[in-house]
Protein backbone atom coordinates (compact mmCIF):
# COMPACT_ATOMS: atom_id res chain seq x y z
CA ASN A 1 132.43 -30.15 8.44
CA GLN A 2 133.41 -32.74 6.35
CA PRO A 3 136.82 -33.16 4.62
CA TYR A 4 137.23 -32.42 1.20
CA GLU A 5 139.34 -34.65 -0.99
CA VAL A 6 141.19 -32.80 -3.68
CA LYS A 7 142.08 -35.54 -6.27
CA ASP A 8 145.50 -34.72 -8.03
CA LYS A 9 144.55 -34.62 -11.40
CA CYS A 10 147.73 -32.53 -12.99
CA LEU A 11 148.73 -33.35 -16.32
CA PRO A 12 151.96 -35.33 -16.89
CA VAL A 13 155.01 -33.17 -16.89
CA VAL A 14 158.73 -34.05 -17.71
CA LEU A 15 161.74 -31.68 -16.93
CA ALA A 16 164.64 -31.76 -19.08
CA PRO A 17 168.10 -29.78 -18.16
CA ASN A 18 169.29 -27.53 -21.33
CA ILE A 19 172.92 -28.01 -19.92
CA PHE A 20 175.39 -30.97 -18.59
CA THR A 21 178.67 -31.28 -17.85
CA PRO A 22 179.52 -34.75 -18.85
CA ASN A 23 183.81 -34.44 -17.60
CA GLY A 24 184.15 -37.02 -15.18
CA ASP A 25 184.12 -34.80 -12.41
CA GLY A 26 180.57 -37.04 -10.41
CA VAL A 27 178.29 -33.46 -10.95
CA ASN A 28 175.80 -33.46 -14.01
CA ASP A 29 177.84 -36.09 -15.80
CA ARG A 30 174.65 -37.86 -17.28
CA PHE A 31 171.15 -36.18 -19.12
CA VAL A 32 169.23 -37.18 -16.73
CA PRO A 33 165.04 -35.89 -17.66
CA GLN A 34 163.20 -36.24 -14.65
CA PRO A 35 159.08 -36.47 -14.31
CA LEU A 36 157.51 -33.26 -12.33
CA SER A 37 155.97 -35.67 -10.42
CA ILE A 38 157.24 -39.06 -10.67
CA PRO A 39 154.32 -41.29 -9.28
CA ARG A 40 152.15 -39.79 -12.22
CA THR A 41 154.89 -39.36 -15.06
CA SER A 42 156.58 -42.85 -16.42
CA ILE A 43 159.47 -42.02 -19.04
CA VAL A 44 159.39 -44.40 -21.90
CA ASN A 45 162.35 -43.59 -24.07
CA VAL A 46 165.02 -41.05 -24.49
CA LYS A 47 167.21 -40.14 -27.51
CA ILE A 48 169.43 -37.84 -28.29
CA PHE A 49 170.75 -36.92 -32.10
CA ASN A 50 173.47 -34.52 -33.58
CA ARG A 51 172.87 -31.65 -35.63
CA TRP A 52 172.98 -33.74 -38.58
CA GLY A 53 169.97 -36.09 -37.09
CA GLU A 54 171.88 -39.24 -36.44
CA LEU A 55 170.81 -41.33 -33.68
CA LEU A 56 173.73 -40.96 -30.91
CA PHE A 57 171.85 -42.59 -27.80
CA GLU A 58 168.72 -44.33 -27.05
CA GLY A 59 167.43 -45.35 -23.23
CA ASP A 60 164.87 -45.42 -20.86
CA ASN A 61 166.36 -43.50 -18.21
CA ALA A 62 166.01 -45.60 -15.50
CA ARG A 63 169.46 -46.31 -14.55
CA PRO A 64 172.51 -44.95 -14.56
CA ASP A 65 173.21 -47.69 -17.57
CA THR A 66 170.54 -46.31 -19.38
CA GLN A 67 171.26 -42.53 -19.47
CA TRP A 68 173.19 -40.29 -21.81
CA ASP A 69 177.03 -39.52 -20.15
CA GLY A 70 177.77 -37.62 -23.40
CA THR A 71 179.65 -40.28 -25.12
CA TYR A 72 178.91 -41.81 -28.92
CA LYS A 73 180.54 -45.06 -30.04
CA GLY A 74 182.60 -44.78 -26.29
CA LYS A 75 183.74 -41.53 -27.19
CA ARG A 76 183.03 -38.02 -25.82
CA VAL A 77 181.03 -35.81 -28.39
CA PRO A 78 182.52 -32.31 -29.12
CA GLN A 79 180.99 -29.75 -27.25
CA ASP A 80 177.85 -28.30 -29.10
CA THR A 81 173.95 -28.79 -28.34
CA TYR A 82 172.45 -31.70 -29.02
CA VAL A 83 168.71 -32.57 -29.85
CA TYR A 84 166.53 -34.60 -27.45
CA VAL A 85 163.03 -36.34 -28.24
CA ILE A 86 161.36 -37.89 -24.96
CA GLU A 87 158.52 -40.40 -24.54
CA TYR A 88 156.80 -40.11 -21.82
CA VAL A 89 153.06 -41.45 -20.69
CA SER A 90 151.04 -40.98 -17.41
CA THR A 91 150.15 -43.59 -15.19
CA PRO A 92 146.60 -45.55 -15.65
CA ALA A 93 145.25 -44.08 -13.23
CA ASN A 94 145.37 -40.35 -13.85
CA PHE A 95 145.08 -40.25 -17.95
CA PRO A 96 144.33 -43.68 -19.56
CA ASN A 97 143.07 -42.46 -22.86
CA MET A 98 146.33 -39.84 -23.10
CA GLY A 99 148.86 -41.88 -24.72
CA THR A 100 152.50 -41.45 -25.31
CA GLN A 101 153.38 -37.57 -24.80
CA THR A 102 156.56 -36.16 -26.56
CA LEU A 103 158.93 -33.65 -25.28
CA LYS A 104 161.54 -32.45 -27.65
CA GLY A 105 164.45 -29.93 -26.89
CA GLY A 106 167.99 -29.26 -26.71
CA VAL A 107 170.48 -29.71 -24.30
CA LEU A 108 174.30 -27.95 -24.72
CA VAL A 109 177.21 -30.68 -23.73
CA ALA A 110 179.76 -28.49 -22.40
CA TYR A 111 183.35 -29.38 -21.01
């Protein structure tokens, strides 16, 4: 019996929360999208917009200071739904020709 090697060729996927609570209690205080598989997916850019299309935040999600904390110009945003646009790529070993992918959706800020 020869072992059969199974290659991991699952598509890159990013999961984003649909709500977070930036109320300073230390739990769920930042909007932190996550790759389903970190070895094969990397987040390049995260943008947050209000309902009028104004850019409130832009970061790369790699460190806490590049994750959205629910503020704009140093002030907490109102409780509302905000639009996110997340750009991500597959690691070159998995899907080198896939290029940059985009995930769009909404996240509720609740206090």
